[in-house]
Amino acid sequence: MTVQNALLFLAAARQDGVIRSCLAAQQDNPGVLCSLAREHGLDFGADELQQAFRHDWALRALRESRTSAVVSELPVPTVRCGQARPEPSRS
C-alpha cells in the first residue's frame, strides 16, 4: 500500500507545480520528499519511494516504446522530386 502512496505522490507532482519543483530540488533527499508527502496525506518511506520511481520510469519506457512502434508503423507518403502539381481549376 505504501508504494501505491508513493506512486500517488509522483502523480500529484505531475499536476502540482510546487510539489514538482520540490521533487526536482530534493531528488537526492528522500527524507524531505517523504515529509512533503506526509503533509499531503500520503505516508511512505524512502524504500517505497525508490520502488515507485522504478515503476514510474518502467511504465514511461513502456509507453514510449509503444508510441515509437506505432509511429514507425504509419505509412509514409512518397513524393517524387520534380513531380508536377495539378493546377487549380478556375471555374
PDB file of N, CA and C in Angstrom:
ATOM      1  N   MET A   1       0.825  -1.193   0.000  1.00  0.00           N
ATOM      2  CA  MET A   1       0.000   0.000   0.000  1.00  0.00           C
ATOM      3  C   MET A   1       0.868   1.255   0.000  1.00  0.00           C
ATOM      4  N   THR A   2       2.001   1.200   0.650  1.00  0.00           N
ATOM      5  CA  THR A   2       2.805   2.409   0.732  1.00  0.00           C
ATOM      6  C   THR A   2       3.488   2.738  -0.592  1.00  0.00           C
ATOM      7  N   VAL A   3       3.815   1.719  -1.406  1.00  0.00           N
ATOM      8  CA  VAL A   3       4.346   2.007  -2.741  1.00  0.00           C
ATOM      9  C   VAL A   3       3.269   2.696  -3.562  1.00  0.00           C
ATOM     10  N   GLN A   4       2.026   2.277  -3.372  1.00  0.00           N
ATOM     11  CA  GLN A   4       0.923   2.931  -4.065  1.00  0.00           C
ATOM     12  C   GLN A   4       0.828   4.397  -3.643  1.00  0.00           C
ATOM     13  N   ASN A   5       1.037   4.685  -2.362  1.00  0.00           N
ATOM     14  CA  ASN A   5       1.030   6.071  -1.895  1.00  0.00           C
ATOM     15  C   ASN A   5       2.158   6.864  -2.550  1.00  0.00           C
ATOM     16  N   ALA A   6       3.308   6.239  -2.700  1.00  0.00           N
ATOM     17  CA  ALA A   6       4.431   6.915  -3.350  1.00  0.00           C
ATOM     18  C   ALA A   6       4.116   7.190  -4.818  1.00  0.00           C
ATOM     19  N   LEU A   7       3.458   6.252  -5.473  1.00  0.00           N
ATOM     20  CA  LEU A   7       3.045   6.476  -6.864  1.00  0.00           C
ATOM     21  C   LEU A   7       2.018   7.606  -6.953  1.00  0.00           C
ATOM     22  N   LEU A   8       1.122   7.669  -5.988  1.00  0.00           N
ATOM     23  CA  LEU A   8       0.153   8.771  -5.952  1.00  0.00           C
ATOM     24  C   LEU A   8       0.866  10.106  -5.761  1.00  0.00           C
ATOM     25  N   PHE A   9       1.920  10.108  -4.957  1.00  0.00           N
ATOM     26  CA  PHE A   9       2.710  11.320  -4.748  1.00  0.00           C
ATOM     27  C   PHE A   9       3.372  11.756  -6.058  1.00  0.00           C
ATOM     28  N   LEU A  10       3.932  10.809  -6.808  1.00  0.00           N
ATOM     29  CA  LEU A  10       4.547  11.151  -8.092  1.00  0.00           C
ATOM     30  C   LEU A  10       3.501  11.672  -9.074  1.00  0.00           C
ATOM     31  N   ALA A  11       2.314  11.089  -9.053  1.00  0.00           N
ATOM     32  CA  ALA A  11       1.233  11.571  -9.911  1.00  0.00           C
ATOM     33  C   ALA A  11       0.811  12.980  -9.504  1.00  0.00           C
ATOM     34  N   ALA A  12       0.768  13.236  -8.194  1.00  0.00           N
ATOM     35  CA  ALA A  12       0.422  14.576  -7.708  1.00  0.00           C
ATOM     36  C   ALA A  12       1.481  15.585  -8.135  1.00  0.00           C
ATOM     37  N   ALA A  13       2.728  15.154  -8.168  1.00  0.00           N
ATOM     38  CA  ALA A  13       3.814  16.050  -8.574  1.00  0.00           C
ATOM     39  C   ALA A  13       3.660  16.473 -10.033  1.00  0.00           C
ATOM     40  N   ARG A  14       3.092  15.601 -10.864  1.00  0.00           N
ATOM     41  CA  ARG A  14       2.868  15.969 -12.266  1.00  0.00           C
ATOM     42  C   ARG A  14       1.817  17.068 -12.391  1.00  0.00           C
ATOM     43  N   GLN A  15       0.868  17.079 -11.463  1.00  0.00           N
ATOM     44  CA  GLN A  15      -0.231  18.041 -11.522  1.00  0.00           C
ATOM     45  C   GLN A  15       0.060  19.344 -10.787  1.00  0.00           C
ATOM     46  N   ASP A  16       0.880  19.273  -9.741  1.00  0.00           N
ATOM     47  CA  ASP A  16       1.124  20.414  -8.863  1.00  0.00           C
ATOM     48  C   ASP A  16       2.552  20.931  -9.056  1.00  0.00           C
ATOM     49  N   GLY A  17       2.672  22.156  -9.530  1.00  0.00           N
ATOM     50  CA  GLY A  17       3.982  22.739  -9.803  1.00  0.00           C
ATOM     51  C   GLY A  17       4.849  22.895  -8.565  1.00  0.00           C
ATOM     52  N   VAL A  18       4.245  23.174  -7.407  1.00  0.00           N
ATOM     53  CA  VAL A  18       5.013  23.334  -6.168  1.00  0.00           C
ATOM     54  C   VAL A  18       5.635  22.005  -5.764  1.00  0.00           C
ATOM     55  N   ILE A  19       4.840  20.942  -5.800  1.00  0.00           N
ATOM     56  CA  ILE A  19       5.372  19.618  -5.463  1.00  0.00           C
ATOM     57  C   ILE A  19       6.436  19.218  -6.479  1.00  0.00           C
ATOM     58  N   ARG A  20       6.173  19.485  -7.753  1.00  0.00           N
ATOM     59  CA  ARG A  20       7.116  19.128  -8.810  1.00  0.00           C
ATOM     60  C   ARG A  20       8.456  19.823  -8.619  1.00  0.00           C
ATOM     61  N   SER A  21       8.448  21.116  -8.284  1.00  0.00           N
ATOM     62  CA  SER A  21       9.713  21.834  -8.099  1.00  0.00           C
ATOM     63  C   SER A  21      10.439  21.346  -6.855  1.00  0.00           C
ATOM     64  N   CYS A  22       9.697  21.015  -5.802  1.00  0.00           N
ATOM     65  CA  CYS A  22      10.329  20.470  -4.600  1.00  0.00           C
ATOM     66  C   CYS A  22      10.925  19.095  -4.893  1.00  0.00           C
ATOM     67  N   LEU A  23      10.218  18.302  -5.660  1.00  0.00           N
ATOM     68  CA  LEU A  23      10.709  16.985  -6.044  1.00  0.00           C
ATOM     69  C   LEU A  23      12.006  17.107  -6.837  1.00  0.00           C
ATOM     70  N   ALA A  24      12.052  18.049  -7.749  1.00  0.00           N
ATOM     71  CA  ALA A  24      13.259  18.250  -8.553  1.00  0.00           C
ATOM     72  C   ALA A  24      14.416  18.764  -7.700  1.00  0.00           C
ATOM     73  N   ALA A  25      14.117  19.672  -6.782  1.00  0.00           N
ATOM     74  CA  ALA A  25      15.172  20.255  -5.952  1.00  0.00           C
ATOM     75  C   ALA A  25      15.691  19.275  -4.901  1.00  0.00           C
ATOM     76  N   GLN A  26      14.833  18.398  -4.405  1.00  0.00           N
ATOM     77  CA  GLN A  26      15.201  17.493  -3.313  1.00  0.00           C
ATOM     78  C   GLN A  26      15.290  16.036  -3.755  1.00  0.00           C
ATOM     79  N   GLN A  27      15.519  15.786  -5.025  1.00  0.00           N
ATOM     80  CA  GLN A  27      15.508  14.414  -5.516  1.00  0.00           C
ATOM     81  C   GLN A  27      16.552  13.518  -4.861  1.00  0.00           C
ATOM     82  N   ASP A  28      17.622  14.090  -4.346  1.00  0.00           N
ATOM     83  CA  ASP A  28      18.647  13.303  -3.668  1.00  0.00           C
ATOM     84  C   ASP A  28      18.407  13.190  -2.173  1.00  0.00           C
ATOM     85  N   ASN A  29      17.297  13.708  -1.695  1.00  0.00           N
ATOM     86  CA  ASN A  29      16.993  13.690  -0.275  1.00  0.00           C
ATOM     87  C   ASN A  29      15.601  13.095  -0.056  1.00  0.00           C
ATOM     88  N   PRO A  30      15.502  11.759  -0.056  1.00  0.00           N
ATOM     89  CA  PRO A  30      14.178  11.138   0.045  1.00  0.00           C
ATOM     90  C   PRO A  30      13.455  11.451   1.352  1.00  0.00           C
ATOM     91  N   GLY A  31      14.191  11.725   2.433  1.00  0.00           N
ATOM     92  CA  GLY A  31      13.543  12.055   3.701  1.00  0.00           C
ATOM     93  C   GLY A  31      12.687  13.303   3.594  1.00  0.00           C
ATOM     94  N   VAL A  32      13.193  14.309   2.895  1.00  0.00           N
ATOM     95  CA  VAL A  32      12.439  15.554   2.700  1.00  0.00           C
ATOM     96  C   VAL A  32      11.204  15.280   1.840  1.00  0.00           C
ATOM     97  N   LEU A  33      11.369  14.460   0.815  1.00  0.00           N
ATOM     98  CA  LEU A  33      10.229  14.141  -0.061  1.00  0.00           C
ATOM     99  C   LEU A  33       9.162  13.354   0.690  1.00  0.00           C
ATOM    100  N   CYS A  34       9.584  12.438   1.549  1.00  0.00           N
ATOM    101  CA  CYS A  34       8.617  11.672   2.344  1.00  0.00           C
ATOM    102  C   CYS A  34       7.871  12.593   3.310  1.00  0.00           C
ATOM    103  N   SER A  35       8.581  13.569   3.869  1.00  0.00           N
ATOM    104  CA  SER A  35       7.935  14.541   4.760  1.00  0.00           C
ATOM    105  C   SER A  35       6.925  15.393   4.003  1.00  0.00           C
ATOM    106  N   LEU A  36       7.306  15.811   2.812  1.00  0.00           N
ATOM    107  CA  LEU A  36       6.396  16.592   1.977  1.00  0.00           C
ATOM    108  C   LEU A  36       5.146  15.777   1.647  1.00  0.00           C
ATOM    109  N   ALA A  37       5.338  14.514   1.350  1.00  0.00           N
ATOM    110  CA  ALA A  37       4.198  13.648   1.037  1.00  0.00           C
ATOM    111  C   ALA A  37       3.281  13.497   2.246  1.00  0.00           C
ATOM    112  N   ARG A  38       3.864  13.370   3.432  1.00  0.00           N
ATOM    113  CA  ARG A  38       3.044  13.258   4.646  1.00  0.00           C
ATOM    114  C   ARG A  38       2.188  14.498   4.846  1.00  0.00           C
ATOM    115  N   GLU A  39       2.728  15.653   4.472  1.00  0.00           N
ATOM    116  CA  GLU A  39       1.957  16.894   4.575  1.00  0.00           C
ATOM    117  C   GLU A  39       0.727  16.851   3.660  1.00  0.00           C
ATOM    118  N   HIS A  40       0.812  16.041   2.610  1.00  0.00           N
ATOM    119  CA  HIS A  40      -0.309  15.906   1.669  1.00  0.00           C
ATOM    120  C   HIS A  40      -1.123  14.634   1.928  1.00  0.00           C
ATOM    121  N   GLY A  41      -0.894  14.017   3.101  1.00  0.00           N
ATOM    122  CA  GLY A  41      -1.705  12.868   3.495  1.00  0.00           C
ATOM    123  C   GLY A  41      -1.251  11.535   2.953  1.00  0.00           C
ATOM    124  N   LEU A  42      -0.032  11.459   2.417  1.00  0.00           N
ATOM    125  CA  LEU A  42       0.481  10.208   1.863  1.00  0.00           C
ATOM    126  C   LEU A  42       1.685   9.758   2.688  1.00  0.00           C
ATOM    127  N   ASP A  43       1.611   8.557   3.242  1.00  0.00           N
ATOM    128  CA  ASP A  43       2.667   8.073   4.115  1.00  0.00           C
ATOM    129  C   ASP A  43       3.406   6.911   3.457  1.00  0.00           C
ATOM    130  N   PHE A  44       4.716   7.068   3.303  1.00  0.00           N
ATOM    131  CA  PHE A  44       5.581   6.014   2.765  1.00  0.00           C
ATOM    132  C   PHE A  44       7.013   6.337   3.153  1.00  0.00           C
ATOM    133  N   GLY A  45       7.872   5.342   3.009  1.00  0.00           N
ATOM    134  CA  GLY A  45       9.280   5.506   3.349  1.00  0.00           C
ATOM    135  C   GLY A  45      10.141   5.681   2.111  1.00  0.00           C
ATOM    136  N   ALA A  46      11.427   5.865   2.339  1.00  0.00           N
ATOM    137  CA  ALA A  46      12.372   6.088   1.243  1.00  0.00           C
ATOM    138  C   ALA A  46      12.454   4.881   0.307  1.00  0.00           C
ATOM    139  N   ASP A  47      12.391   3.667   0.858  1.00  0.00           N
ATOM    140  CA  ASP A  47      12.438   2.461   0.013  1.00  0.00           C
ATOM    141  C   ASP A  47      11.227   2.384  -0.911  1.00  0.00           C
ATOM    142  N   GLU A  48      10.067   2.710  -0.363  1.00  0.00           N
ATOM    143  CA  GLU A  48       8.852   2.694  -1.194  1.00  0.00           C
ATOM    144  C   GLU A  48       8.907   3.771  -2.269  1.00  0.00           C
ATOM    145  N   LEU A  49       9.479   4.923  -1.932  1.00  0.00           N
ATOM    146  CA  LEU A  49       9.625   5.984  -2.931  1.00  0.00           C
ATOM    147  C   LEU A  49      10.552   5.536  -4.058  1.00  0.00           C
ATOM    148  N   GLN A  50      11.635   4.864  -3.699  1.00  0.00           N
ATOM    149  CA  GLN A  50      12.564   4.371  -4.711  1.00  0.00           C
ATOM    150  C   GLN A  50      11.876   3.340  -5.614  1.00  0.00           C
ATOM    151  N   GLN A  51      11.095   2.454  -5.028  1.00  0.00           N
ATOM    152  CA  GLN A  51      10.353   1.470  -5.822  1.00  0.00           C
ATOM    153  C   GLN A  51       9.356   2.162  -6.746  1.00  0.00           C
ATOM    154  N   ALA A  52       8.708   3.195  -6.234  1.00  0.00           N
ATOM    155  CA  ALA A  52       7.737   3.933  -7.046  1.00  0.00           C
ATOM    156  C   ALA A  52       8.424   4.599  -8.230  1.00  0.00           C
ATOM    157  N   PHE A  53       9.605   5.176  -7.999  1.00  0.00           N
ATOM    158  CA  PHE A  53      10.363   5.769  -9.106  1.00  0.00           C
ATOM    159  C   PHE A  53      10.693   4.712 -10.153  1.00  0.00           C
ATOM    160  N   ARG A  54      11.113   3.533  -9.716  1.00  0.00           N
ATOM    161  CA  ARG A  54      11.439   2.464 -10.669  1.00  0.00           C
ATOM    162  C   ARG A  54      10.209   2.075 -11.482  1.00  0.00           C
ATOM    163  N   HIS A  55       9.073   1.903 -10.809  1.00  0.00           N
ATOM    164  CA  HIS A  55       7.828   1.559 -11.513  1.00  0.00           C
ATOM    165  C   HIS A  55       7.436   2.659 -12.499  1.00  0.00           C
ATOM    166  N   ASP A  56       7.542   3.901 -12.052  1.00  0.00           N
ATOM    167  CA  ASP A  56       7.159   5.037 -12.886  1.00  0.00           C
ATOM    168  C   ASP A  56       8.012   5.097 -14.151  1.00  0.00           C
ATOM    169  N   TRP A  57       9.316   4.956 -13.985  1.00  0.00           N
ATOM    170  CA  TRP A  57      10.200   5.018 -15.156  1.00  0.00           C
ATOM    171  C   TRP A  57      10.005   3.824 -16.071  1.00  0.00           C
ATOM    172  N   ALA A  58       9.744   2.652 -15.499  1.00  0.00           N
ATOM    173  CA  ALA A  58       9.482   1.471 -16.332  1.00  0.00           C
ATOM    174  C   ALA A  58       8.214   1.676 -17.161  1.00  0.00           C
ATOM    175  N   LEU A  59       7.179   2.229 -16.537  1.00  0.00           N
ATOM    176  CA  LEU A  59       5.936   2.493 -17.277  1.00  0.00           C
ATOM    177  C   LEU A  59       6.143   3.549 -18.351  1.00  0.00           C
ATOM    178  N   ARG A  60       6.948   4.567 -18.044  1.00  0.00           N
ATOM    179  CA  ARG A  60       7.242   5.592 -19.058  1.00  0.00           C
ATOM    180  C   ARG A  60       7.984   4.992 -20.243  1.00  0.00           C
ATOM    181  N   ALA A  61       8.960   4.122 -19.956  1.00  0.00           N
ATOM    182  CA  ALA A  61       9.722   3.482 -21.027  1.00  0.00           C
ATOM    183  C   ALA A  61       8.821   2.605 -21.882  1.00  0.00           C
ATOM    184  N   LEU A  62       7.912   1.886 -21.237  1.00  0.00           N
ATOM    185  CA  LEU A  62       6.969   1.043 -21.972  1.00  0.00           C
ATOM    186  C   LEU A  62       6.069   1.882 -22.858  1.00  0.00           C
ATOM    187  N   ARG A  63       5.543   2.975 -22.292  1.00  0.00           N
ATOM    188  CA  ARG A  63       4.683   3.869 -23.068  1.00  0.00           C
ATOM    189  C   ARG A  63       5.434   4.440 -24.263  1.00  0.00           C
ATOM    190  N   GLU A  64       6.676   4.855 -24.032  1.00  0.00           N
ATOM    191  CA  GLU A  64       7.490   5.442 -25.102  1.00  0.00           C
ATOM    192  C   GLU A  64       7.770   4.418 -26.197  1.00  0.00           C
ATOM    193  N   SER A  65       8.084   3.196 -25.811  1.00  0.00           N
ATOM    194  CA  SER A  65       8.380   2.177 -26.821  1.00  0.00           C
ATOM    195  C   SER A  65       7.134   1.832 -27.624  1.00  0.00           C
ATOM    196  N   ARG A  66       5.979   1.820 -26.975  1.00  0.00           N
ATOM    197  CA  ARG A  66       4.734   1.544 -27.701  1.00  0.00           C
ATOM    198  C   ARG A  66       4.402   2.687 -28.646  1.00  0.00           C
ATOM    199  N   THR A  67       4.627   3.927 -28.213  1.00  0.00           N
ATOM    200  CA  THR A  67       4.359   5.090 -29.053  1.00  0.00           C
ATOM    201  C   THR A  67       5.292   5.090 -30.255  1.00  0.00           C
ATOM    202  N   SER A  68       6.570   4.783 -30.031  1.00  0.00           N
ATOM    203  CA  SER A  68       7.533   4.750 -31.122  1.00  0.00           C
ATOM    204  C   SER A  68       7.177   3.668 -32.124  1.00  0.00           C
ATOM    205  N   ALA A  69       6.734   2.516 -31.631  1.00  0.00           N
ATOM    206  CA  ALA A  69       6.376   1.418 -32.525  1.00  0.00           C
ATOM    207  C   ALA A  69       5.178   1.796 -33.382  1.00  0.00           C
ATOM    208  N   VAL A  70       4.198   2.454 -32.803  1.00  0.00           N
ATOM    209  CA  VAL A  70       3.003   2.852 -33.548  1.00  0.00           C
ATOM    210  C   VAL A  70       3.377   3.885 -34.596  1.00  0.00           C
ATOM    211  N   VAL A  71       4.202   4.851 -34.236  1.00  0.00           N
ATOM    212  CA  VAL A  71       4.600   5.891 -35.180  1.00  0.00           C
ATOM    213  C   VAL A  71       5.423   5.302 -36.311  1.00  0.00           C
ATOM    214  N   SER A  72       6.312   4.360 -36.012  1.00  0.00           N
ATOM    215  CA  SER A  72       7.154   3.797 -37.060  1.00  0.00           C
ATOM    216  C   SER A  72       6.363   2.905 -38.012  1.00  0.00           C
ATOM    217  N   GLU A  73       5.194   2.435 -37.613  1.00  0.00           N
ATOM    218  CA  GLU A  73       4.376   1.594 -38.474  1.00  0.00           C
ATOM    219  C   GLU A  73       3.452   2.394 -39.387  1.00  0.00           C
ATOM    220  N   LEU A  74       3.358   3.704 -39.174  1.00  0.00           N
ATOM    221  CA  LEU A  74       2.494   4.516 -40.008  1.00  0.00           C
ATOM    222  C   LEU A  74       3.070   4.616 -41.419  1.00  0.00           C
ATOM    223  N   PRO A  75       2.226   4.560 -42.438  1.00  0.00           N
ATOM    224  CA  PRO A  75       2.736   4.687 -43.803  1.00  0.00           C
ATOM    225  C   PRO A  75       3.238   6.104 -44.062  1.00  0.00           C
ATOM    226  N   VAL A  76       4.337   6.187 -44.764  1.00  0.00           N
ATOM    227  CA  VAL A  76       4.920   7.485 -45.087  1.00  0.00           C
ATOM    228  C   VAL A  76       4.649   7.752 -46.564  1.00  0.00           C
ATOM    229  N   PRO A  77       3.963   8.840 -46.876  1.00  0.00           N
ATOM    230  CA  PRO A  77       3.676   9.137 -48.280  1.00  0.00           C
ATOM    231  C   PRO A  77       4.977   9.478 -49.005  1.00  0.00           C
ATOM    232  N   THR A  78       5.067   9.027 -50.237  1.00  0.00           N
ATOM    233  CA  THR A  78       6.265   9.326 -51.024  1.00  0.00           C
ATOM    234  C   THR A  78       5.915  10.374 -52.072  1.00  0.00           C
ATOM    235  N   VAL A  79       6.795  11.313 -52.221  1.00  0.00           N
ATOM    236  CA  VAL A  79       6.640  12.361 -53.228  1.00  0.00           C
ATOM    237  C   VAL A  79       7.931  12.387 -54.024  1.00  0.00           C
ATOM    238  N   ARG A  80       7.795  12.344 -55.328  1.00  0.00           N
ATOM    239  CA  ARG A  80       8.982  12.360 -56.181  1.00  0.00           C
ATOM    240  C   ARG A  80       9.376  13.789 -56.485  1.00  0.00           C
ATOM    241  N   CYS A  81      10.656  14.006 -56.501  1.00  0.00           N
ATOM    242  CA  CYS A  81      11.156  15.338 -56.840  1.00  0.00           C
ATOM    243  C   CYS A  81      10.794  15.651 -58.285  1.00  0.00           C
ATOM    244  N   GLY A  82      10.391  16.849 -58.510  1.00  0.00           N
ATOM    245  CA  GLY A  82      10.059  17.281 -59.861  1.00  0.00           C
ATOM    246  C   GLY A  82       8.666  16.855 -60.299  1.00  0.00           C
ATOM    247  N   GLN A  83       7.917  16.233 -59.418  1.00  0.00           N
ATOM    248  CA  GLN A  83       6.577  15.806 -59.771  1.00  0.00           C
ATOM    249  C   GLN A  83       5.685  17.039 -59.913  1.00  0.00           C
ATOM    250  N   ALA A  84       4.983  17.115 -61.013  1.00  0.00           N
ATOM    251  CA  ALA A  84       4.142  18.278 -61.279  1.00  0.00           C
ATOM    252  C   ALA A  84       2.925  18.269 -60.362  1.00  0.00           C
ATOM    253  N   ARG A  85       2.618  19.420 -59.858  1.00  0.00           N
ATOM    254  CA  ARG A  85       1.409  19.579 -59.053  1.00  0.00           C
ATOM    255  C   ARG A  85       0.258  19.910 -59.974  1.00  0.00           C
ATOM    256  N   PRO A  86      -0.920  19.391 -59.693  1.00  0.00           N
ATOM    257  CA  PRO A  86      -2.057  19.735 -60.531  1.00  0.00           C
ATOM    258  C   PRO A  86      -2.413  21.222 -60.346  1.00  0.00           C
ATOM    259  N   GLU A  87      -2.755  21.831 -61.466  1.00  0.00           N
ATOM    260  CA  GLU A  87      -3.149  23.240 -61.421  1.00  0.00           C
ATOM    261  C   GLU A  87      -4.555  23.353 -60.857  1.00  0.00           C
ATOM    262  N   PRO A  88      -4.799  24.353 -60.017  1.00  0.00           N
ATOM    263  CA  PRO A  88      -6.150  24.528 -59.501  1.00  0.00           C
ATOM    264  C   PRO A  88      -7.095  24.903 -60.636  1.00  0.00           C
ATOM    265  N   SER A  89      -8.292  24.366 -60.586  1.00  0.00           N
ATOM    266  CA  SER A  89      -9.268  24.671 -61.654  1.00  0.00           C
ATOM    267  C   SER A  89      -9.813  26.071 -61.427  1.00  0.00           C
ATOM    268  N   ARG A  90      -9.980  26.771 -62.538  1.00  0.00           N
ATOM    269  CA  ARG A  90     -10.500  28.133 -62.481  1.00  0.00           C
ATOM    270  C   ARG A  90     -11.863  28.139 -63.162  1.00  0.00           C
ATOM    271  N   SER A  91     -12.875  28.020 -62.383  1.00  0.00           N
ATOM    272  CA  SER A  91     -14.214  27.959 -62.941  1.00  0.00           C
ATOM    273  C   SER A  91     -14.906  29.266 -62.840  1.00  0.00           C
TER     274      SER A  91
END
